[in-house]
N, C-alpha and C. Protein backbone atom coordinates (compact mmCIF):
# COMPACT_ATOMS: atom_id res chain seq x y z
N MET A 1 0.83 -1.18 0.00
CA MET A 1 0.00 0.00 0.00
C MET A 1 0.87 1.25 0.00
N ILE A 2 0.42 2.29 -0.60
CA ILE A 2 1.13 3.55 -0.60
C ILE A 2 0.83 4.26 0.71
N SER A 3 1.90 4.71 1.36
CA SER A 3 1.78 5.27 2.71
C SER A 3 1.58 6.78 2.69
N LYS A 4 0.95 7.27 3.74
CA LYS A 4 0.75 8.71 3.90
C LYS A 4 1.53 9.16 5.14
N GLY A 5 1.87 10.44 5.24
CA GLY A 5 2.56 10.97 6.40
C GLY A 5 3.99 10.46 6.54
N LYS A 6 4.69 10.33 5.45
CA LYS A 6 6.03 9.77 5.48
C LYS A 6 7.10 10.85 5.70
N ILE A 7 8.20 10.45 6.30
CA ILE A 7 9.36 11.32 6.47
C ILE A 7 10.44 10.77 5.54
N PHE A 8 10.83 11.59 4.57
CA PHE A 8 11.76 11.13 3.55
C PHE A 8 13.20 11.14 4.05
N LEU A 9 13.97 10.17 3.58
CA LEU A 9 15.39 10.09 3.91
C LEU A 9 16.15 11.17 3.16
N LYS A 10 17.13 11.72 3.81
CA LYS A 10 17.97 12.73 3.17
C LYS A 10 18.79 12.06 2.07
N LYS A 11 18.94 12.76 0.94
CA LYS A 11 19.70 12.23 -0.18
C LYS A 11 21.01 13.00 -0.32
N PRO A 12 22.00 12.39 -0.98
CA PRO A 12 23.26 13.11 -1.21
C PRO A 12 23.06 14.24 -2.21
N ARG A 13 24.02 15.16 -2.24
CA ARG A 13 23.94 16.28 -3.17
C ARG A 13 24.16 15.84 -4.61
N SER A 14 24.84 14.70 -4.82
CA SER A 14 25.07 14.26 -6.19
C SER A 14 23.72 14.10 -6.88
N ARG A 15 23.51 14.85 -7.91
CA ARG A 15 22.19 14.96 -8.49
C ARG A 15 22.01 14.20 -9.80
N LYS A 16 23.02 13.47 -10.25
CA LYS A 16 22.93 12.84 -11.56
C LYS A 16 22.53 11.37 -11.53
N CYS A 17 22.40 10.80 -10.36
CA CYS A 17 22.02 9.38 -10.26
C CYS A 17 20.71 9.15 -11.03
N PHE A 18 20.68 8.14 -11.88
CA PHE A 18 19.48 7.85 -12.65
C PHE A 18 18.31 7.51 -11.75
N GLY A 19 18.57 6.83 -10.65
CA GLY A 19 17.50 6.42 -9.75
C GLY A 19 16.97 7.53 -8.88
N CYS A 20 17.89 8.26 -8.20
CA CYS A 20 17.42 9.24 -7.20
C CYS A 20 17.86 10.67 -7.45
N GLY A 21 18.68 10.90 -8.45
CA GLY A 21 19.17 12.26 -8.71
C GLY A 21 18.06 13.21 -9.13
N VAL A 22 18.10 14.41 -8.58
CA VAL A 22 17.03 15.38 -8.87
C VAL A 22 17.28 16.20 -10.13
N GLU A 23 18.51 16.17 -10.64
CA GLU A 23 18.81 16.98 -11.82
C GLU A 23 19.04 16.15 -13.08
N ASN A 24 18.78 14.86 -13.02
CA ASN A 24 18.91 14.02 -14.21
C ASN A 24 17.61 14.15 -15.01
N PRO A 25 17.67 14.74 -16.22
CA PRO A 25 16.43 15.01 -16.95
C PRO A 25 15.65 13.76 -17.33
N ILE A 26 16.30 12.61 -17.42
CA ILE A 26 15.58 11.37 -17.76
C ILE A 26 15.51 10.41 -16.58
N GLY A 27 15.98 10.84 -15.42
CA GLY A 27 16.01 9.97 -14.25
C GLY A 27 14.66 9.77 -13.59
N LEU A 28 14.64 8.84 -12.64
CA LEU A 28 13.41 8.49 -11.94
C LEU A 28 13.10 9.40 -10.76
N LYS A 29 14.11 10.09 -10.24
CA LYS A 29 13.95 11.05 -9.13
C LYS A 29 13.25 10.42 -7.91
N LEU A 30 13.62 9.20 -7.59
CA LEU A 30 12.99 8.49 -6.48
C LEU A 30 13.31 9.14 -5.14
N ARG A 31 12.33 9.09 -4.25
CA ARG A 31 12.49 9.54 -2.86
C ARG A 31 12.17 8.35 -1.98
N PHE A 32 12.83 8.27 -0.83
CA PHE A 32 12.72 7.08 0.02
C PHE A 32 12.31 7.46 1.43
N TYR A 33 11.60 6.55 2.07
CA TYR A 33 11.20 6.70 3.47
C TYR A 33 11.20 5.31 4.10
N CYS A 34 11.14 5.28 5.43
CA CYS A 34 11.17 4.01 6.15
C CYS A 34 9.86 3.76 6.88
N GLU A 35 9.52 2.50 6.95
CA GLU A 35 8.45 2.02 7.82
C GLU A 35 9.02 0.78 8.51
N GLY A 36 9.40 0.93 9.77
CA GLY A 36 10.03 -0.17 10.49
C GLY A 36 11.35 -0.56 9.85
N ASP A 37 11.47 -1.82 9.45
CA ASP A 37 12.71 -2.30 8.85
C ASP A 37 12.65 -2.32 7.32
N ILE A 38 11.75 -1.53 6.75
CA ILE A 38 11.55 -1.51 5.30
C ILE A 38 11.80 -0.10 4.77
N VAL A 39 12.56 -0.02 3.67
CA VAL A 39 12.71 1.23 2.92
C VAL A 39 11.72 1.18 1.78
N LYS A 40 11.02 2.30 1.55
CA LYS A 40 9.98 2.36 0.52
C LYS A 40 10.17 3.57 -0.38
N SER A 41 9.62 3.46 -1.58
CA SER A 41 9.55 4.58 -2.51
C SER A 41 8.24 4.47 -3.28
N ASP A 42 7.51 5.57 -3.33
CA ASP A 42 6.27 5.62 -4.11
C ASP A 42 6.58 6.31 -5.43
N VAL A 43 6.11 5.73 -6.52
CA VAL A 43 6.42 6.27 -7.84
C VAL A 43 5.30 5.94 -8.81
N THR A 44 5.10 6.83 -9.76
CA THR A 44 4.21 6.57 -10.89
C THR A 44 5.04 6.79 -12.14
N LEU A 45 5.24 5.74 -12.92
CA LEU A 45 6.08 5.84 -14.12
C LEU A 45 5.27 6.41 -15.28
N GLY A 46 5.88 7.38 -15.97
CA GLY A 46 5.25 7.95 -17.15
C GLY A 46 5.57 7.15 -18.39
N ASP A 47 5.01 7.55 -19.51
CA ASP A 47 5.19 6.78 -20.75
C ASP A 47 6.61 6.84 -21.31
N LEU A 48 7.47 7.71 -20.78
CA LEU A 48 8.88 7.71 -21.18
C LEU A 48 9.56 6.40 -20.81
N TYR A 49 8.99 5.68 -19.86
CA TYR A 49 9.58 4.44 -19.35
C TYR A 49 8.81 3.21 -19.83
N GLU A 50 8.10 3.36 -20.92
CA GLU A 50 7.26 2.29 -21.47
C GLU A 50 8.10 1.32 -22.29
N GLY A 51 7.73 0.04 -22.21
CA GLY A 51 8.28 -1.00 -23.09
C GLY A 51 7.20 -1.31 -24.11
N TRP A 52 6.51 -2.42 -23.93
CA TRP A 52 5.32 -2.71 -24.73
C TRP A 52 4.25 -1.68 -24.40
N GLY A 53 3.31 -1.49 -25.30
CA GLY A 53 2.26 -0.50 -25.11
C GLY A 53 1.64 -0.52 -23.72
N ASN A 54 1.75 0.60 -23.03
CA ASN A 54 1.15 0.83 -21.72
C ASN A 54 1.84 0.07 -20.57
N MET A 55 2.87 -0.72 -20.88
CA MET A 55 3.58 -1.47 -19.83
C MET A 55 4.95 -0.85 -19.60
N ALA A 56 5.33 -0.74 -18.32
CA ALA A 56 6.66 -0.22 -17.99
C ALA A 56 7.72 -1.20 -18.48
N HIS A 57 8.83 -0.66 -18.94
CA HIS A 57 9.95 -1.48 -19.42
C HIS A 57 10.54 -2.28 -18.26
N GLY A 58 10.83 -3.54 -18.49
CA GLY A 58 11.37 -4.41 -17.45
C GLY A 58 12.68 -3.91 -16.86
N GLY A 59 13.51 -3.27 -17.68
CA GLY A 59 14.77 -2.73 -17.17
C GLY A 59 14.55 -1.58 -16.20
N ILE A 60 13.51 -0.80 -16.44
CA ILE A 60 13.17 0.29 -15.51
C ILE A 60 12.67 -0.29 -14.20
N ILE A 61 11.86 -1.34 -14.27
CA ILE A 61 11.38 -1.99 -13.04
C ILE A 61 12.57 -2.56 -12.27
N SER A 62 13.52 -3.14 -12.98
CA SER A 62 14.73 -3.64 -12.34
C SER A 62 15.48 -2.52 -11.64
N THR A 63 15.54 -1.36 -12.27
CA THR A 63 16.20 -0.20 -11.67
C THR A 63 15.48 0.24 -10.41
N LEU A 64 14.15 0.25 -10.43
CA LEU A 64 13.39 0.62 -9.22
C LEU A 64 13.78 -0.28 -8.05
N LEU A 65 13.86 -1.58 -8.30
CA LEU A 65 14.20 -2.51 -7.23
C LEU A 65 15.66 -2.39 -6.81
N ASP A 66 16.57 -2.25 -7.77
CA ASP A 66 17.99 -2.09 -7.44
C ASP A 66 18.19 -0.86 -6.57
N GLU A 67 17.58 0.24 -6.95
CA GLU A 67 17.75 1.49 -6.21
C GLU A 67 17.14 1.40 -4.81
N THR A 68 15.96 0.83 -4.69
CA THR A 68 15.31 0.75 -3.38
C THR A 68 16.05 -0.24 -2.48
N MET A 69 16.48 -1.37 -3.02
CA MET A 69 17.27 -2.30 -2.22
C MET A 69 18.58 -1.66 -1.79
N SER A 70 19.18 -0.87 -2.68
CA SER A 70 20.42 -0.15 -2.35
C SER A 70 20.21 0.81 -1.20
N TRP A 71 19.09 1.52 -1.22
CA TRP A 71 18.82 2.45 -0.13
C TRP A 71 18.58 1.72 1.19
N ALA A 72 18.05 0.51 1.13
CA ALA A 72 17.92 -0.29 2.36
C ALA A 72 19.30 -0.59 2.93
N VAL A 73 20.24 -0.94 2.07
CA VAL A 73 21.61 -1.20 2.52
C VAL A 73 22.22 0.08 3.10
N MET A 74 22.09 1.19 2.37
CA MET A 74 22.66 2.45 2.86
C MET A 74 22.08 2.83 4.21
N TYR A 75 20.76 2.77 4.33
CA TYR A 75 20.11 3.26 5.55
C TYR A 75 20.37 2.35 6.75
N PHE A 76 20.22 1.07 6.56
CA PHE A 76 20.33 0.16 7.70
C PHE A 76 21.75 -0.29 8.00
N LYS A 77 22.62 -0.36 6.99
CA LYS A 77 23.99 -0.84 7.22
C LYS A 77 25.03 0.29 7.22
N ARG A 78 24.70 1.41 6.61
CA ARG A 78 25.58 2.58 6.58
C ARG A 78 26.99 2.23 6.08
N VAL A 79 27.01 1.58 4.92
CA VAL A 79 28.27 1.18 4.29
C VAL A 79 28.24 1.57 2.82
N LEU A 80 29.42 1.73 2.25
CA LEU A 80 29.54 1.88 0.80
C LEU A 80 29.49 0.47 0.22
N PHE A 81 28.97 0.31 -0.98
CA PHE A 81 28.75 -1.03 -1.52
C PHE A 81 28.52 -0.94 -3.03
N VAL A 82 28.45 -2.10 -3.65
CA VAL A 82 28.02 -2.22 -5.04
C VAL A 82 27.03 -3.38 -5.12
N THR A 83 26.17 -3.33 -6.12
CA THR A 83 25.26 -4.45 -6.38
C THR A 83 26.09 -5.57 -6.99
N ARG A 84 25.98 -6.75 -6.42
CA ARG A 84 26.73 -7.90 -6.91
C ARG A 84 25.86 -8.80 -7.79
N ARG A 85 24.60 -8.97 -7.38
CA ARG A 85 23.70 -9.87 -8.11
C ARG A 85 22.26 -9.46 -7.81
N MET A 86 21.42 -9.63 -8.82
CA MET A 86 19.98 -9.37 -8.63
C MET A 86 19.19 -10.41 -9.41
N GLU A 87 18.05 -10.80 -8.83
CA GLU A 87 17.14 -11.71 -9.52
C GLU A 87 15.72 -11.20 -9.32
N LEU A 88 14.95 -11.17 -10.41
CA LEU A 88 13.58 -10.65 -10.35
C LEU A 88 12.60 -11.67 -10.89
N LYS A 89 11.39 -11.63 -10.37
CA LYS A 89 10.29 -12.39 -10.95
C LYS A 89 9.16 -11.40 -11.21
N TYR A 90 8.83 -11.27 -12.49
CA TYR A 90 7.74 -10.39 -12.91
C TYR A 90 6.45 -11.21 -12.81
N ILE A 91 5.54 -10.80 -11.95
CA ILE A 91 4.34 -11.57 -11.65
C ILE A 91 3.13 -11.07 -12.44
N ARG A 92 2.95 -9.77 -12.45
CA ARG A 92 1.85 -9.14 -13.19
C ARG A 92 2.40 -7.93 -13.92
N PRO A 93 1.76 -7.50 -15.01
CA PRO A 93 2.26 -6.33 -15.73
C PRO A 93 2.28 -5.08 -14.84
N VAL A 94 3.32 -4.29 -15.02
CA VAL A 94 3.43 -3.00 -14.34
C VAL A 94 3.06 -1.95 -15.39
N LEU A 95 1.92 -1.33 -15.21
CA LEU A 95 1.42 -0.38 -16.20
C LEU A 95 1.93 1.03 -15.92
N VAL A 96 2.29 1.76 -16.98
CA VAL A 96 2.66 3.15 -16.80
C VAL A 96 1.43 3.92 -16.33
N GLY A 97 1.67 4.99 -15.59
CA GLY A 97 0.58 5.80 -15.08
C GLY A 97 -0.09 5.23 -13.84
N THR A 98 0.41 4.12 -13.33
CA THR A 98 -0.16 3.46 -12.15
C THR A 98 0.68 3.77 -10.92
N PRO A 99 0.08 4.25 -9.83
CA PRO A 99 0.85 4.47 -8.60
C PRO A 99 1.42 3.14 -8.08
N LEU A 100 2.71 3.17 -7.76
CA LEU A 100 3.41 1.98 -7.29
C LEU A 100 4.08 2.26 -5.95
N CYS A 101 4.26 1.21 -5.17
CA CYS A 101 5.09 1.28 -3.97
C CYS A 101 6.17 0.22 -4.11
N VAL A 102 7.42 0.66 -4.07
CA VAL A 102 8.57 -0.25 -4.13
C VAL A 102 9.11 -0.34 -2.71
N ASN A 103 9.34 -1.56 -2.23
CA ASN A 103 9.85 -1.70 -0.87
C ASN A 103 10.98 -2.70 -0.83
N ALA A 104 11.84 -2.55 0.18
CA ALA A 104 13.00 -3.43 0.31
C ALA A 104 13.37 -3.58 1.78
N ARG A 105 13.85 -4.79 2.10
CA ARG A 105 14.32 -5.04 3.47
C ARG A 105 15.52 -5.98 3.42
N ILE A 106 16.41 -5.78 4.35
CA ILE A 106 17.57 -6.66 4.48
C ILE A 106 17.08 -7.95 5.12
N VAL A 107 17.48 -9.08 4.52
CA VAL A 107 17.03 -10.36 5.05
C VAL A 107 18.15 -11.13 5.74
N SER A 108 19.39 -10.90 5.34
CA SER A 108 20.51 -11.58 6.00
C SER A 108 21.82 -11.00 5.51
N GLU A 109 22.85 -11.35 6.24
CA GLU A 109 24.19 -11.01 5.79
C GLU A 109 24.85 -12.31 5.37
N GLY A 110 25.43 -12.29 4.19
CA GLY A 110 26.07 -13.49 3.66
C GLY A 110 27.50 -13.59 4.16
N ARG A 111 28.28 -14.39 3.46
CA ARG A 111 29.68 -14.56 3.84
C ARG A 111 30.45 -13.28 3.55
N GLY A 112 31.37 -12.96 4.44
CA GLY A 112 32.21 -11.78 4.25
C GLY A 112 31.39 -10.51 4.19
N PRO A 113 31.62 -9.73 3.15
CA PRO A 113 30.97 -8.41 3.08
C PRO A 113 29.60 -8.42 2.41
N LEU A 114 28.99 -9.58 2.23
CA LEU A 114 27.76 -9.66 1.44
C LEU A 114 26.51 -9.42 2.27
N ILE A 115 25.59 -8.65 1.68
CA ILE A 115 24.32 -8.30 2.33
C ILE A 115 23.20 -8.71 1.38
N ASN A 116 22.25 -9.50 1.88
CA ASN A 116 21.14 -9.99 1.06
C ASN A 116 19.87 -9.19 1.35
N VAL A 117 19.22 -8.76 0.29
CA VAL A 117 18.05 -7.89 0.39
C VAL A 117 16.93 -8.45 -0.49
N ARG A 118 15.70 -8.26 -0.04
CA ARG A 118 14.53 -8.62 -0.85
C ARG A 118 13.73 -7.36 -1.12
N GLY A 119 13.12 -7.32 -2.30
CA GLY A 119 12.31 -6.16 -2.66
C GLY A 119 11.06 -6.58 -3.39
N GLU A 120 10.11 -5.66 -3.45
CA GLU A 120 8.84 -5.90 -4.14
C GLU A 120 8.36 -4.61 -4.79
N VAL A 121 7.60 -4.78 -5.84
CA VAL A 121 6.84 -3.67 -6.43
C VAL A 121 5.38 -4.05 -6.29
N ARG A 122 4.60 -3.16 -5.67
CA ARG A 122 3.17 -3.39 -5.46
C ARG A 122 2.37 -2.23 -6.03
N ASP A 123 1.14 -2.52 -6.41
CA ASP A 123 0.26 -1.44 -6.86
C ASP A 123 -0.35 -0.75 -5.64
N ALA A 124 -1.15 0.28 -5.88
CA ALA A 124 -1.71 1.09 -4.79
C ALA A 124 -2.65 0.30 -3.88
N LYS A 125 -3.17 -0.81 -4.36
CA LYS A 125 -4.06 -1.65 -3.55
C LYS A 125 -3.29 -2.75 -2.82
N GLY A 126 -1.97 -2.77 -3.00
CA GLY A 126 -1.15 -3.78 -2.34
C GLY A 126 -0.90 -5.03 -3.16
N GLY A 127 -1.40 -5.07 -4.39
CA GLY A 127 -1.19 -6.25 -5.24
C GLY A 127 0.27 -6.40 -5.64
N LEU A 128 0.80 -7.61 -5.51
CA LEU A 128 2.20 -7.87 -5.84
C LEU A 128 2.37 -7.95 -7.35
N LEU A 129 3.28 -7.12 -7.89
CA LEU A 129 3.55 -7.09 -9.32
C LEU A 129 4.89 -7.73 -9.66
N VAL A 130 5.90 -7.43 -8.85
CA VAL A 130 7.26 -7.93 -9.09
C VAL A 130 7.91 -8.17 -7.75
N ARG A 131 8.68 -9.25 -7.65
CA ARG A 131 9.49 -9.44 -6.45
C ARG A 131 10.92 -9.72 -6.88
N GLY A 132 11.84 -9.35 -6.02
CA GLY A 132 13.24 -9.54 -6.37
C GLY A 132 14.10 -9.74 -5.15
N SER A 133 15.31 -10.18 -5.42
CA SER A 133 16.31 -10.31 -4.36
C SER A 133 17.63 -9.81 -4.92
N GLY A 134 18.46 -9.33 -4.03
CA GLY A 134 19.75 -8.82 -4.44
C GLY A 134 20.82 -9.15 -3.42
N GLU A 135 22.03 -9.23 -3.92
CA GLU A 135 23.19 -9.43 -3.07
C GLU A 135 24.10 -8.22 -3.29
N PHE A 136 24.45 -7.57 -2.21
CA PHE A 136 25.23 -6.34 -2.26
C PHE A 136 26.54 -6.56 -1.52
N ALA A 137 27.64 -6.09 -2.09
CA ALA A 137 28.96 -6.27 -1.49
C ALA A 137 29.42 -4.96 -0.87
N ALA A 138 29.60 -4.98 0.46
CA ALA A 138 30.13 -3.81 1.17
C ALA A 138 31.60 -3.64 0.79
N LEU A 139 31.99 -2.40 0.56
CA LEU A 139 33.36 -2.10 0.16
C LEU A 139 33.90 -0.94 0.98
N SER A 140 35.18 -0.98 1.24
CA SER A 140 35.82 0.16 1.90
C SER A 140 36.00 1.25 0.85
N PRO A 141 36.07 2.51 1.28
CA PRO A 141 36.20 3.62 0.32
C PRO A 141 37.38 3.46 -0.64
N ASP A 142 38.48 2.88 -0.18
CA ASP A 142 39.65 2.74 -1.06
C ASP A 142 39.42 1.72 -2.18
N LYS A 143 38.43 0.86 -2.06
CA LYS A 143 38.12 -0.11 -3.12
C LYS A 143 37.30 0.51 -4.25
N LEU A 144 36.65 1.62 -3.98
CA LEU A 144 35.85 2.31 -5.00
C LEU A 144 36.72 3.35 -5.70
N ILE A 145 37.73 2.87 -6.41
CA ILE A 145 38.75 3.77 -6.96
C ILE A 145 38.22 4.71 -8.04
N ASP A 146 37.15 4.34 -8.72
CA ASP A 146 36.62 5.19 -9.79
C ASP A 146 35.60 6.21 -9.30
N VAL A 147 35.21 6.14 -8.04
CA VAL A 147 34.25 7.09 -7.48
C VAL A 147 35.03 8.27 -6.92
N PRO A 148 34.69 9.51 -7.30
CA PRO A 148 35.40 10.67 -6.77
C PRO A 148 35.39 10.69 -5.24
N GLN A 149 36.53 11.05 -4.66
CA GLN A 149 36.68 11.08 -3.20
C GLN A 149 35.60 11.94 -2.55
N GLU A 150 35.26 13.04 -3.16
CA GLU A 150 34.23 13.94 -2.62
C GLU A 150 32.89 13.23 -2.46
N GLU A 151 32.52 12.40 -3.44
CA GLU A 151 31.25 11.66 -3.36
C GLU A 151 31.29 10.62 -2.24
N LYS A 152 32.41 9.93 -2.10
CA LYS A 152 32.53 8.94 -1.03
C LYS A 152 32.42 9.61 0.33
N GLU A 153 33.09 10.74 0.50
CA GLU A 153 33.04 11.46 1.77
C GLU A 153 31.62 11.95 2.06
N GLU A 154 30.93 12.41 1.03
CA GLU A 154 29.56 12.88 1.22
C GLU A 154 28.65 11.73 1.67
N MET A 155 28.80 10.57 1.06
CA MET A 155 27.97 9.42 1.46
C MET A 155 28.27 9.01 2.89
N LEU A 156 29.53 8.95 3.26
CA LEU A 156 29.89 8.57 4.63
C LEU A 156 29.32 9.57 5.64
N ALA A 157 29.36 10.85 5.30
CA ALA A 157 28.78 11.88 6.18
C ALA A 157 27.26 11.74 6.26
N LEU A 158 26.64 11.39 5.14
CA LEU A 158 25.19 11.22 5.10
C LEU A 158 24.73 10.10 6.05
N PHE A 159 25.52 9.05 6.16
CA PHE A 159 25.17 7.94 7.05
C PHE A 159 24.97 8.42 8.48
N ASN A 160 25.72 9.44 8.88
CA ASN A 160 25.59 9.97 10.25
C ASN A 160 24.30 10.76 10.45
N GLU A 161 23.63 11.12 9.36
CA GLU A 161 22.40 11.90 9.45
C GLU A 161 21.14 11.04 9.39
N PHE A 162 21.32 9.75 9.14
CA PHE A 162 20.16 8.85 9.10
C PHE A 162 19.68 8.58 10.51
């Protein structure tokens, strides 16, 4: 179900992220909030994200889940990480123009730096449309050599504000 009265999580200043960046002209501009041990995002996809007529593109749905599961890792584990693996099951069509709630929760920690997360996409009535799971690898800042130092420092500082 889509929630009311939510308090949104603070986002980093980096504005180009396709999932959550506010200045990416083709991005999803997702916003996130928590309910207990679940991170959620409410979104309605426009026809720019269409695959087959009136249906959201599967890659966009995958992005919704990757981004929301990632925010669950950021919020609850407060670590830098990368997506290692994702698996999705598309259960019912996701139609453009339909209010959606994407949710994710950490289910376990795997071996070493691995964090396992489950996510779902539901319609406004709570109907399950897509479910997924992901494995995320926590990394120290020095392992993210291609990420600008300023961005890593901003994310680490953001963890203290959650």
